[in-house]
């Protein structure tokens, strides 16, 4: 497979970053495993496809610092409390929630890693990459579901999941904003 020649840590961390695993534990506690898998796989596939098909264009027109704006999405999600909307008749689909969460948390980092990796990959090898991504993402979610069932992890999630989720979302959002270079770019404009 074409992607096997890539440095393993760089390849895996482009899709599977540890902060998002923590968020996945919360999402698995709240939603069905199938919905989390579908949302996560869809998000990963969107980023892989965007990197493959639009890699050179995105690199030219969307500098990494601009992707830092996506860091505000998890912060907004942490501040916006759906529990207070008791009369809300429509709720976001769990799959869409996982998808948006993944894209908000991981898009900037993943695009910056995937763009240079996938530029030279052929269409046939791109199919292999997609198959690998689907299988490995599913395995990761199932492993995290098992970890979430460990009594100490389960107790923590039951007691502190809402506040912990908000803290993680805000922390990840701030990290994305900072790591992308958005702040230094804006300071440079002054």
Protein backbone atom coordinates (compact mmCIF):
# COMPACT_ATOMS: atom_id res chain seq x y z
CA UNK A 1 0.00 0.00 0.00
CA UNK A 2 1.23 3.44 -0.92
CA UNK A 3 0.83 5.01 2.50
CA UNK A 4 3.02 2.41 4.22
CA UNK A 5 6.16 4.23 3.11
CA UNK A 6 5.08 7.26 5.12
CA UNK A 7 6.49 7.83 8.60
CA UNK A 8 3.98 5.87 10.76
CA UNK A 9 3.67 8.36 13.61
CA UNK A 10 3.11 11.27 11.24
CA UNK A 11 0.51 9.32 9.27
CA UNK A 12 -1.45 8.13 12.30
CA UNK A 13 -1.34 11.42 14.19
CA UNK A 14 -2.76 13.17 11.17
CA UNK A 15 -6.08 11.34 11.69
CA UNK A 16 -5.98 10.15 15.25
CA UNK A 17 -4.86 12.84 17.64
CA UNK A 18 -4.99 12.13 21.40
CA UNK A 19 -7.03 15.21 22.41
CA UNK A 20 -9.80 14.10 20.07
CA UNK A 21 -9.72 10.61 21.62
CA UNK A 22 -10.71 12.22 24.92
CA UNK A 23 -13.57 14.00 23.18
CA UNK A 24 -14.57 10.71 21.51
CA UNK A 25 -14.96 9.13 24.94
CA UNK A 26 -17.55 11.79 25.79
CA UNK A 27 -19.29 11.41 22.45
CA UNK A 28 -19.42 7.61 22.89
CA UNK A 29 -21.05 8.10 26.27
CA UNK A 30 -23.71 10.35 24.74
CA UNK A 31 -24.38 8.71 21.34
CA UNK A 32 -24.63 5.26 19.79
CA UNK A 33 -21.36 3.70 18.63
CA UNK A 34 -22.68 3.52 15.06
CA UNK A 35 -23.38 7.27 15.02
CA UNK A 36 -19.93 8.12 16.39
CA UNK A 37 -18.24 5.83 13.84
CA UNK A 38 -20.22 7.33 10.96
CA UNK A 39 -19.54 10.92 12.04
CA UNK A 40 -15.85 10.29 12.69
CA UNK A 41 -15.26 8.32 9.48
CA UNK A 42 -17.12 10.97 7.47
CA UNK A 43 -14.97 13.72 8.98
CA UNK A 44 -11.75 11.85 8.31
CA UNK A 45 -12.81 11.07 4.75
CA UNK A 46 -13.72 14.71 4.12
CA UNK A 47 -10.27 15.84 5.25
CA UNK A 48 -8.49 13.13 3.27
CA UNK A 49 -10.49 13.95 0.14
CA UNK A 50 -9.97 17.69 0.58
CA UNK A 51 -6.26 17.14 0.99
CA UNK A 52 -6.06 14.88 -2.01
CA UNK A 53 -8.24 16.78 -4.47
CA UNK A 54 -7.60 20.34 -3.37
CA UNK A 55 -4.20 20.10 -1.71
CA UNK A 56 -2.28 22.50 -3.89
CA UNK A 57 -5.14 24.98 -4.14
CA UNK A 58 -5.74 25.03 -0.38
CA UNK A 59 -2.04 25.52 0.28
CA UNK A 60 -2.05 28.56 -1.99
CA UNK A 61 -5.31 30.20 -0.94
CA UNK A 62 -5.75 29.12 2.68
CA UNK A 63 -2.65 29.60 4.78
CA UNK A 64 -2.53 27.59 7.98
CA UNK A 65 -3.16 30.63 10.15
CA UNK A 66 -6.56 31.09 8.49
CA UNK A 67 -7.56 27.56 9.48
CA UNK A 68 -7.06 28.69 13.10
CA UNK A 69 -10.48 30.30 12.92
CA UNK A 70 -11.89 26.77 13.17
CA UNK A 71 -10.65 26.77 16.77
CA UNK A 72 -13.56 29.00 17.69
CA UNK A 73 -16.07 26.24 16.84
CA UNK A 74 -15.28 23.97 19.82
CA UNK A 75 -15.19 27.03 22.09
CA UNK A 76 -18.65 28.01 20.85
CA UNK A 77 -19.86 24.42 21.34
CA UNK A 78 -18.61 24.49 24.95
CA UNK A 79 -20.33 27.78 25.73
CA UNK A 80 -23.58 26.98 23.90
CA UNK A 81 -25.59 24.77 26.25
CA UNK A 82 -28.29 22.73 24.49
CA UNK A 83 -29.60 21.47 27.83
CA UNK A 84 -31.17 24.85 28.56
CA UNK A 85 -33.33 24.65 25.44
CA UNK A 86 -36.07 22.48 26.91
CA UNK A 87 -38.60 23.33 24.21
CA UNK A 88 -36.23 22.63 21.37
CA UNK A 89 -38.01 20.36 18.88
CA UNK A 90 -35.09 19.83 16.52
CA UNK A 91 -31.74 18.54 17.67
CA UNK A 92 -28.64 18.13 15.62
CA UNK A 93 -28.04 14.61 14.41
CA UNK A 94 -25.46 12.73 16.51
CA UNK A 95 -23.57 11.93 13.31
CA UNK A 96 -23.49 15.62 12.36
CA UNK A 97 -22.40 16.58 15.88
CA UNK A 98 -19.46 14.14 15.76
CA UNK A 99 -18.57 15.28 12.23
CA UNK A 100 -18.59 18.98 13.13
CA UNK A 101 -16.66 18.32 16.35
CA UNK A 102 -13.99 16.36 14.48
CA UNK A 103 -13.64 18.98 11.74
CA UNK A 104 -13.50 21.82 14.26
CA UNK A 105 -10.89 20.14 16.42
CA UNK A 106 -8.73 18.44 13.79
CA UNK A 107 -9.09 20.22 10.43
CA UNK A 108 -6.19 22.65 10.69
CA UNK A 109 -3.67 20.12 11.94
CA UNK A 110 -4.83 17.35 9.63
CA UNK A 111 -4.85 19.49 6.50
CA UNK A 112 -1.37 20.80 7.21
CA UNK A 113 -0.08 17.23 7.58
CA UNK A 114 -2.15 15.59 4.84
CA UNK A 115 -1.58 18.20 2.12
CA UNK A 116 2.08 17.39 1.55
CA UNK A 117 1.55 13.65 2.09
CA UNK A 118 -1.26 13.15 -0.41
CA UNK A 119 -0.16 15.48 -3.21
CA UNK A 120 1.91 12.76 -4.91
CA UNK A 121 -0.46 9.84 -4.27
CA UNK A 122 -2.09 8.24 -7.32
CA UNK A 123 -5.84 7.73 -7.57
CA UNK A 124 -5.44 3.96 -7.10
CA UNK A 125 -3.34 4.44 -3.98
CA UNK A 126 -5.82 7.03 -2.76
CA UNK A 127 -8.46 4.25 -2.74
CA UNK A 128 -6.14 2.17 -0.56
CA UNK A 129 -5.70 5.12 1.78
CA UNK A 130 -9.48 5.52 2.09
CA UNK A 131 -9.93 1.82 2.89
CA UNK A 132 -7.21 1.98 5.54
CA UNK A 133 -8.78 5.10 7.06
CA UNK A 134 -12.25 3.56 7.28
CA UNK A 135 -11.02 0.33 8.89
CA UNK A 136 -8.60 1.98 11.32
CA UNK A 137 -11.06 4.69 12.37
CA UNK A 138 -13.68 2.05 13.14
CA UNK A 139 -11.17 0.06 15.20
CA UNK A 140 -10.16 3.19 17.15
CA UNK A 141 -13.79 4.01 18.04
CA UNK A 142 -14.46 0.43 19.15
CA UNK A 143 -11.31 0.43 21.31
CA UNK A 144 -12.32 3.73 22.88
CA UNK A 145 -15.79 2.36 23.56
CA UNK A 146 -14.10 -0.48 25.47
CA UNK A 147 -11.92 1.96 27.40
CA UNK A 148 -15.04 3.96 28.28
CA UNK A 149 -16.54 0.83 29.86
CA UNK A 150 -13.67 0.46 32.38
CA UNK A 151 -15.27 1.19 35.78
CA UNK A 152 -12.96 4.03 36.82
CA UNK A 153 -13.28 5.72 33.42
CA UNK A 154 -17.03 5.11 33.40
CA UNK A 155 -17.45 6.61 36.89
CA UNK A 156 -15.43 9.68 35.94
CA UNK A 157 -17.46 10.11 32.75
CA UNK A 158 -20.74 9.79 34.67
CA UNK A 159 -19.78 12.36 37.29
CA UNK A 160 -17.78 14.90 35.33
CA UNK A 161 -18.53 14.41 31.63
CA UNK A 162 -20.45 17.66 31.06
CA UNK A 163 -17.92 20.01 32.68
CA UNK A 164 -14.96 17.98 31.40
CA UNK A 165 -16.31 18.13 27.86
CA UNK A 166 -16.62 21.92 28.07
CA UNK A 167 -13.09 22.26 29.46
CA UNK A 168 -11.65 19.99 26.76
CA UNK A 169 -13.54 21.80 23.97
CA UNK A 170 -12.34 25.21 25.17
CA UNK A 171 -8.77 23.93 25.61
CA UNK A 172 -8.69 22.30 22.18
CA UNK A 173 -10.23 25.39 20.58
CA UNK A 174 -7.61 27.65 22.16
CA UNK A 175 -4.87 25.24 21.09
CA UNK A 176 -6.09 25.22 17.47
CA UNK A 177 -6.22 29.02 17.42
CA UNK A 178 -2.72 29.27 18.90
CA UNK A 179 -1.06 26.40 17.00
CA UNK A 180 -2.32 27.59 13.63
CA UNK A 181 -0.42 30.85 13.95
CA UNK A 182 -3.63 32.90 13.81
CA UNK A 183 -2.72 34.96 16.88
CA UNK A 184 0.82 35.71 15.72
CA UNK A 185 -0.50 36.60 12.26
CA UNK A 186 -3.06 39.00 13.74
CA UNK A 187 -0.40 40.54 16.00
CA UNK A 188 1.82 40.93 12.94
CA UNK A 189 -0.93 42.92 11.24
CA UNK A 190 -0.87 45.48 14.06
